[in-house]
Amino acid sequence: MTAPSFPDLPKCEFAFPGPLRDQLVAAVLSGEKTSTTGLLQDYERDAEPLPVVGDRAVVVDSAERPVAVIEVTEVRLVRLGDVDLDHARDEGEGYDSVAAWRAGHEGFWHGSDYLGWLGDPGFRVDDDTVAVAERFRVVG
């Protein structure tokens, strides 16, 4: 059986290929994950437009296989220090506090995969780092 193809939709990649991406994709597919957080600087670095409500993208797993189509339902620019508990919980990673969410995300943003991709081994986030907080729903 051939995997479905969505040539007109951009790709949505959660984290980097590997166990974390697999965990996040599973959470999307189960309905546990309905929000995600990126850094504004990443969009600026890649000259990518910010997502807008109604945008659709195809979620891919670690093997680059399309597994779902999501639609953006909300986009907010927010300081990391202002991320709320609802957003943290809706990331589907089992966070029960904003502090736990922050620690998990700092582990990613300060980790070797992200720092290597960024090309700045000294990069660190703080309360004033601007994040792109997205909400989405699975539509296919």
N, C-alpha and C. Protein backbone atom coordinates (compact mmCIF):
# COMPACT_ATOMS: atom_id res chain seq x y z
N MET A 1 0.84 -1.19 0.00
CA MET A 1 0.00 0.00 0.00
C MET A 1 0.88 1.25 0.00
N THR A 2 0.54 2.21 -0.81
CA THR A 2 1.31 3.44 -0.92
C THR A 2 0.77 4.47 0.06
N ALA A 3 1.70 5.19 0.71
CA ALA A 3 1.29 6.24 1.65
C ALA A 3 0.65 7.38 0.86
N PRO A 4 -0.34 8.06 1.45
CA PRO A 4 -0.97 9.18 0.75
C PRO A 4 0.04 10.30 0.51
N SER A 5 -0.18 11.03 -0.55
CA SER A 5 0.70 12.14 -0.91
C SER A 5 -0.10 13.44 -0.86
N PHE A 6 0.52 14.48 -0.36
CA PHE A 6 -0.12 15.79 -0.25
C PHE A 6 0.83 16.83 -0.83
N PRO A 7 1.02 16.81 -2.16
CA PRO A 7 2.05 17.67 -2.76
C PRO A 7 1.80 19.16 -2.60
N ASP A 8 0.55 19.55 -2.35
CA ASP A 8 0.25 20.98 -2.24
C ASP A 8 0.36 21.51 -0.81
N LEU A 9 0.63 20.62 0.14
CA LEU A 9 0.70 21.05 1.54
C LEU A 9 2.15 21.07 2.02
N PRO A 10 2.49 22.06 2.83
CA PRO A 10 3.83 22.05 3.43
C PRO A 10 3.94 20.92 4.46
N LYS A 11 5.16 20.57 4.74
CA LYS A 11 5.45 19.52 5.71
C LYS A 11 5.49 20.09 7.11
N CYS A 12 4.94 19.37 8.06
CA CYS A 12 5.03 19.73 9.48
C CYS A 12 5.89 18.68 10.16
N GLU A 13 7.03 19.12 10.67
CA GLU A 13 7.96 18.22 11.34
C GLU A 13 8.07 18.63 12.80
N PHE A 14 7.64 17.74 13.69
CA PHE A 14 7.78 17.99 15.11
C PHE A 14 9.16 17.51 15.55
N ALA A 15 9.93 18.39 16.15
CA ALA A 15 11.29 18.08 16.63
C ALA A 15 12.14 17.57 15.46
N PHE A 16 13.17 16.81 15.78
CA PHE A 16 14.04 16.20 14.79
C PHE A 16 13.68 14.73 14.68
N PRO A 17 13.98 14.07 13.55
CA PRO A 17 13.68 12.64 13.45
C PRO A 17 14.29 11.87 14.62
N GLY A 18 13.51 10.94 15.14
CA GLY A 18 13.98 10.12 16.26
C GLY A 18 12.90 9.93 17.30
N PRO A 19 13.28 9.49 18.48
CA PRO A 19 12.29 9.16 19.51
C PRO A 19 11.35 10.31 19.89
N LEU A 20 11.87 11.54 20.00
CA LEU A 20 11.00 12.65 20.38
C LEU A 20 9.96 12.90 19.29
N ARG A 21 10.39 12.92 18.03
CA ARG A 21 9.40 13.12 16.96
C ARG A 21 8.36 12.01 16.98
N ASP A 22 8.80 10.78 17.16
CA ASP A 22 7.86 9.66 17.19
C ASP A 22 6.85 9.82 18.32
N GLN A 23 7.31 10.27 19.47
CA GLN A 23 6.42 10.50 20.62
C GLN A 23 5.42 11.61 20.31
N LEU A 24 5.90 12.69 19.71
CA LEU A 24 5.02 13.82 19.40
C LEU A 24 3.99 13.47 18.33
N VAL A 25 4.42 12.74 17.31
CA VAL A 25 3.49 12.33 16.26
C VAL A 25 2.42 11.41 16.84
N ALA A 26 2.82 10.49 17.70
CA ALA A 26 1.84 9.61 18.34
C ALA A 26 0.84 10.42 19.15
N ALA A 27 1.30 11.47 19.83
CA ALA A 27 0.41 12.33 20.62
C ALA A 27 -0.55 13.11 19.71
N VAL A 28 -0.07 13.54 18.54
CA VAL A 28 -0.96 14.20 17.57
C VAL A 28 -2.04 13.22 17.13
N LEU A 29 -1.62 12.01 16.76
CA LEU A 29 -2.57 11.02 16.24
C LEU A 29 -3.58 10.58 17.28
N SER A 30 -3.18 10.57 18.55
CA SER A 30 -4.11 10.16 19.61
C SER A 30 -5.03 11.29 20.06
N GLY A 31 -4.73 12.51 19.63
CA GLY A 31 -5.52 13.68 20.03
C GLY A 31 -5.01 14.34 21.30
N GLU A 32 -3.94 13.81 21.89
CA GLU A 32 -3.39 14.42 23.11
C GLU A 32 -2.65 15.72 22.82
N LYS A 33 -2.05 15.82 21.66
CA LYS A 33 -1.26 17.01 21.30
C LYS A 33 -2.08 17.89 20.37
N THR A 34 -2.44 19.07 20.87
CA THR A 34 -3.19 20.04 20.06
C THR A 34 -2.54 21.42 20.07
N SER A 35 -1.33 21.49 20.62
CA SER A 35 -0.57 22.75 20.58
C SER A 35 0.90 22.41 20.40
N THR A 36 1.63 23.42 19.95
CA THR A 36 3.07 23.26 19.78
C THR A 36 3.72 24.62 19.91
N THR A 37 5.00 24.62 20.18
CA THR A 37 5.72 25.86 20.39
C THR A 37 7.02 25.85 19.61
N GLY A 38 7.24 26.91 18.86
CA GLY A 38 8.51 27.13 18.18
C GLY A 38 9.06 28.48 18.59
N LEU A 39 10.25 28.77 18.17
CA LEU A 39 10.84 30.07 18.48
C LEU A 39 10.72 30.99 17.27
N LEU A 40 10.36 32.23 17.52
CA LEU A 40 10.24 33.21 16.45
C LEU A 40 11.53 33.29 15.65
N GLN A 41 12.67 33.20 16.32
CA GLN A 41 13.95 33.32 15.63
C GLN A 41 14.13 32.25 14.56
N ASP A 42 13.51 31.09 14.74
CA ASP A 42 13.65 30.02 13.76
C ASP A 42 12.94 30.39 12.45
N TYR A 43 11.78 31.00 12.57
CA TYR A 43 11.07 31.47 11.38
C TYR A 43 11.88 32.55 10.69
N GLU A 44 12.45 33.47 11.47
CA GLU A 44 13.24 34.55 10.91
C GLU A 44 14.50 34.01 10.25
N ARG A 45 15.15 33.05 10.89
CA ARG A 45 16.39 32.45 10.37
C ARG A 45 16.16 31.83 9.01
N ASP A 46 15.03 31.13 8.86
CA ASP A 46 14.73 30.44 7.61
C ASP A 46 13.88 31.26 6.65
N ALA A 47 13.61 32.53 7.01
CA ALA A 47 12.77 33.41 6.19
C ALA A 47 11.44 32.75 5.86
N GLU A 48 10.88 32.07 6.85
CA GLU A 48 9.57 31.42 6.69
C GLU A 48 8.49 32.32 7.26
N PRO A 49 7.34 32.38 6.59
CA PRO A 49 6.25 33.16 7.15
C PRO A 49 5.69 32.47 8.39
N LEU A 50 5.17 33.26 9.30
CA LEU A 50 4.52 32.68 10.48
C LEU A 50 3.25 31.97 10.05
N PRO A 51 2.88 30.92 10.77
CA PRO A 51 1.61 30.26 10.44
C PRO A 51 0.45 31.20 10.70
N VAL A 52 -0.64 30.98 9.98
CA VAL A 52 -1.87 31.74 10.19
C VAL A 52 -3.02 30.76 10.34
N VAL A 53 -4.06 31.21 11.03
CA VAL A 53 -5.24 30.38 11.23
C VAL A 53 -5.76 29.92 9.87
N GLY A 54 -6.03 28.64 9.77
CA GLY A 54 -6.51 28.05 8.54
C GLY A 54 -5.44 27.34 7.73
N ASP A 55 -4.17 27.64 8.01
CA ASP A 55 -3.09 26.94 7.31
C ASP A 55 -3.20 25.45 7.58
N ARG A 56 -2.88 24.66 6.58
CA ARG A 56 -2.84 23.21 6.72
C ARG A 56 -1.46 22.70 6.38
N ALA A 57 -1.07 21.61 7.03
CA ALA A 57 0.22 21.00 6.77
C ALA A 57 0.11 19.51 6.98
N VAL A 58 0.98 18.77 6.33
CA VAL A 58 1.01 17.33 6.49
C VAL A 58 2.08 16.97 7.53
N VAL A 59 1.67 16.26 8.56
CA VAL A 59 2.58 15.81 9.61
C VAL A 59 3.33 14.59 9.10
N VAL A 60 4.65 14.61 9.26
CA VAL A 60 5.46 13.46 8.86
C VAL A 60 6.12 12.84 10.08
N ASP A 61 6.33 11.53 10.00
CA ASP A 61 7.00 10.83 11.09
C ASP A 61 8.51 10.83 10.85
N SER A 62 9.25 10.10 11.66
CA SER A 62 10.71 10.10 11.56
C SER A 62 11.22 9.54 10.24
N ALA A 63 10.41 8.73 9.58
CA ALA A 63 10.78 8.16 8.28
C ALA A 63 10.28 9.04 7.13
N GLU A 64 9.81 10.26 7.46
CA GLU A 64 9.29 11.21 6.47
C GLU A 64 8.00 10.74 5.81
N ARG A 65 7.30 9.79 6.42
CA ARG A 65 6.02 9.33 5.90
C ARG A 65 4.92 10.27 6.37
N PRO A 66 4.00 10.66 5.46
CA PRO A 66 2.86 11.48 5.88
C PRO A 66 1.91 10.66 6.75
N VAL A 67 1.51 11.22 7.90
CA VAL A 67 0.65 10.48 8.82
C VAL A 67 -0.65 11.20 9.17
N ALA A 68 -0.72 12.49 8.93
CA ALA A 68 -1.93 13.25 9.25
C ALA A 68 -1.84 14.62 8.59
N VAL A 69 -2.99 15.26 8.48
CA VAL A 69 -3.06 16.65 8.05
C VAL A 69 -3.62 17.44 9.23
N ILE A 70 -2.94 18.54 9.56
CA ILE A 70 -3.42 19.40 10.64
C ILE A 70 -3.77 20.77 10.08
N GLU A 71 -4.64 21.45 10.82
CA GLU A 71 -5.06 22.81 10.47
C GLU A 71 -4.81 23.72 11.67
N VAL A 72 -4.17 24.84 11.44
CA VAL A 72 -3.89 25.80 12.50
C VAL A 72 -5.19 26.48 12.92
N THR A 73 -5.43 26.50 14.24
CA THR A 73 -6.63 27.14 14.77
C THR A 73 -6.33 28.40 15.58
N GLU A 74 -5.06 28.58 15.98
CA GLU A 74 -4.68 29.78 16.74
C GLU A 74 -3.17 29.94 16.65
N VAL A 75 -2.73 31.18 16.56
CA VAL A 75 -1.30 31.50 16.58
C VAL A 75 -1.11 32.72 17.47
N ARG A 76 -0.19 32.61 18.42
CA ARG A 76 0.13 33.74 19.30
C ARG A 76 1.64 33.88 19.39
N LEU A 77 2.11 35.12 19.39
CA LEU A 77 3.50 35.39 19.75
C LEU A 77 3.50 35.69 21.23
N VAL A 78 4.32 34.97 21.97
CA VAL A 78 4.31 35.08 23.42
C VAL A 78 5.73 34.93 23.97
N ARG A 79 6.03 35.70 24.99
CA ARG A 79 7.30 35.52 25.68
C ARG A 79 7.29 34.15 26.35
N LEU A 80 8.43 33.48 26.39
CA LEU A 80 8.48 32.19 27.08
C LEU A 80 8.02 32.33 28.53
N GLY A 81 8.32 33.46 29.14
CA GLY A 81 7.92 33.68 30.51
C GLY A 81 6.42 33.84 30.69
N ASP A 82 5.67 33.95 29.58
CA ASP A 82 4.22 34.14 29.66
C ASP A 82 3.41 32.96 29.12
N VAL A 83 4.08 31.86 28.80
CA VAL A 83 3.34 30.68 28.34
C VAL A 83 2.44 30.19 29.48
N ASP A 84 1.18 29.86 29.14
CA ASP A 84 0.21 29.47 30.16
C ASP A 84 0.09 27.95 30.28
N LEU A 85 -0.52 27.53 31.37
CA LEU A 85 -0.64 26.11 31.67
C LEU A 85 -1.49 25.37 30.63
N ASP A 86 -2.54 25.99 30.13
CA ASP A 86 -3.35 25.31 29.11
C ASP A 86 -2.52 24.97 27.88
N HIS A 87 -1.71 25.90 27.43
CA HIS A 87 -0.85 25.64 26.27
C HIS A 87 0.13 24.51 26.60
N ALA A 88 0.75 24.59 27.76
CA ALA A 88 1.72 23.56 28.17
C ALA A 88 1.08 22.18 28.21
N ARG A 89 -0.08 22.06 28.81
CA ARG A 89 -0.78 20.77 28.89
C ARG A 89 -1.15 20.25 27.52
N ASP A 90 -1.61 21.16 26.65
CA ASP A 90 -2.09 20.75 25.34
C ASP A 90 -0.97 20.34 24.38
N GLU A 91 0.28 20.47 24.81
CA GLU A 91 1.38 19.97 24.00
C GLU A 91 1.42 18.44 23.99
N GLY A 92 0.66 17.81 24.90
CA GLY A 92 0.52 16.37 24.86
C GLY A 92 1.72 15.58 25.33
N GLU A 93 2.58 16.23 26.10
CA GLU A 93 3.77 15.54 26.58
C GLU A 93 3.70 15.25 28.08
N GLY A 94 2.52 15.41 28.66
CA GLY A 94 2.33 15.08 30.07
C GLY A 94 2.74 16.17 31.04
N TYR A 95 2.91 17.39 30.56
CA TYR A 95 3.30 18.48 31.47
C TYR A 95 2.15 18.83 32.40
N ASP A 96 2.45 18.92 33.70
CA ASP A 96 1.44 19.29 34.68
C ASP A 96 1.70 20.66 35.28
N SER A 97 2.73 21.32 34.76
CA SER A 97 3.05 22.68 35.21
C SER A 97 3.80 23.40 34.10
N VAL A 98 3.76 24.71 34.15
CA VAL A 98 4.51 25.50 33.18
C VAL A 98 6.01 25.28 33.40
N ALA A 99 6.42 25.11 34.65
CA ALA A 99 7.84 24.87 34.94
C ALA A 99 8.32 23.58 34.28
N ALA A 100 7.51 22.53 34.33
CA ALA A 100 7.88 21.27 33.69
C ALA A 100 7.94 21.44 32.17
N TRP A 101 6.96 22.17 31.62
CA TRP A 101 6.96 22.46 30.19
C TRP A 101 8.24 23.20 29.79
N ARG A 102 8.57 24.21 30.59
CA ARG A 102 9.74 25.03 30.29
C ARG A 102 11.02 24.20 30.35
N ALA A 103 11.15 23.36 31.37
CA ALA A 103 12.34 22.52 31.50
C ALA A 103 12.46 21.57 30.30
N GLY A 104 11.35 20.98 29.89
CA GLY A 104 11.38 20.08 28.74
C GLY A 104 11.78 20.80 27.47
N HIS A 105 11.24 21.98 27.26
CA HIS A 105 11.56 22.73 26.06
C HIS A 105 12.97 23.30 26.09
N GLU A 106 13.42 23.73 27.26
CA GLU A 106 14.81 24.19 27.34
C GLU A 106 15.75 23.04 27.05
N GLY A 107 15.41 21.83 27.49
CA GLY A 107 16.24 20.67 27.16
C GLY A 107 16.37 20.48 25.66
N PHE A 108 15.28 20.73 24.93
CA PHE A 108 15.32 20.63 23.47
C PHE A 108 16.13 21.78 22.87
N TRP A 109 15.79 23.03 23.25
CA TRP A 109 16.45 24.19 22.65
C TRP A 109 17.91 24.32 23.05
N HIS A 110 18.30 23.74 24.16
CA HIS A 110 19.69 23.78 24.59
C HIS A 110 20.42 22.48 24.26
N GLY A 111 19.73 21.56 23.59
CA GLY A 111 20.31 20.26 23.25
C GLY A 111 21.17 20.31 22.00
N SER A 112 21.95 19.29 21.82
CA SER A 112 22.92 19.26 20.71
C SER A 112 22.26 19.28 19.34
N ASP A 113 21.10 18.62 19.16
CA ASP A 113 20.45 18.63 17.85
C ASP A 113 20.05 20.05 17.46
N TYR A 114 19.38 20.75 18.36
CA TYR A 114 18.92 22.10 18.06
C TYR A 114 20.10 23.05 17.91
N LEU A 115 21.04 23.00 18.84
CA LEU A 115 22.18 23.91 18.77
C LEU A 115 23.01 23.67 17.53
N GLY A 116 23.14 22.40 17.11
CA GLY A 116 23.86 22.08 15.88
C GLY A 116 23.13 22.64 14.67
N TRP A 117 21.81 22.49 14.64
CA TRP A 117 21.01 23.02 13.54
C TRP A 117 21.13 24.54 13.51
N LEU A 118 21.07 25.16 14.70
CA LEU A 118 21.12 26.61 14.80
C LEU A 118 22.52 27.15 14.45
N GLY A 119 23.53 26.35 14.74
CA GLY A 119 24.90 26.79 14.49
C GLY A 119 25.43 27.74 15.55
N ASP A 120 24.84 27.68 16.74
CA ASP A 120 25.24 28.56 17.83
C ASP A 120 25.26 27.76 19.13
N PRO A 121 26.40 27.15 19.46
CA PRO A 121 26.46 26.28 20.64
C PRO A 121 26.24 27.01 21.96
N GLY A 122 26.32 28.33 21.97
CA GLY A 122 26.13 29.09 23.19
C GLY A 122 24.72 29.63 23.35
N PHE A 123 23.82 29.33 22.44
CA PHE A 123 22.47 29.87 22.49
C PHE A 123 21.73 29.40 23.74
N ARG A 124 20.99 30.32 24.35
CA ARG A 124 20.14 30.00 25.50
C ARG A 124 18.86 30.83 25.40
N VAL A 125 17.75 30.23 25.80
CA VAL A 125 16.49 30.97 25.88
C VAL A 125 16.38 31.59 27.26
N ASP A 126 15.51 32.61 27.37
CA ASP A 126 15.20 33.20 28.67
C ASP A 126 13.73 33.62 28.64
N ASP A 127 13.27 34.25 29.70
CA ASP A 127 11.86 34.63 29.78
C ASP A 127 11.41 35.54 28.65
N ASP A 128 12.33 36.33 28.10
CA ASP A 128 11.97 37.28 27.05
C ASP A 128 12.08 36.72 25.63
N THR A 129 12.55 35.50 25.48
CA THR A 129 12.61 34.88 24.15
C THR A 129 11.19 34.75 23.62
N VAL A 130 10.99 35.18 22.39
CA VAL A 130 9.65 35.16 21.80
C VAL A 130 9.38 33.81 21.14
N ALA A 131 8.26 33.22 21.53
CA ALA A 131 7.84 31.93 21.00
C ALA A 131 6.61 32.11 20.11
N VAL A 132 6.44 31.16 19.21
CA VAL A 132 5.24 31.07 18.38
C VAL A 132 4.43 29.92 18.96
N ALA A 133 3.34 30.25 19.62
CA ALA A 133 2.48 29.26 20.25
C ALA A 133 1.31 28.98 19.31
N GLU A 134 1.24 27.75 18.84
CA GLU A 134 0.23 27.35 17.88
C GLU A 134 -0.74 26.35 18.48
N ARG A 135 -1.96 26.45 18.06
CA ARG A 135 -2.97 25.41 18.33
C ARG A 135 -3.39 24.87 16.98
N PHE A 136 -3.74 23.60 16.95
CA PHE A 136 -4.13 22.96 15.70
C PHE A 136 -5.10 21.84 15.97
N ARG A 137 -5.70 21.37 14.88
CA ARG A 137 -6.57 20.20 14.96
C ARG A 137 -6.25 19.29 13.79
N VAL A 138 -6.45 18.00 13.99
CA VAL A 138 -6.25 17.04 12.91
C VAL A 138 -7.48 17.07 12.02
N VAL A 139 -7.26 17.20 10.72
CA VAL A 139 -8.38 17.25 9.76
C VAL A 139 -8.31 16.11 8.75
N GLY A 140 -7.26 15.35 8.78
CA GLY A 140 -7.15 14.23 7.84
C GLY A 140 -5.98 13.34 8.15
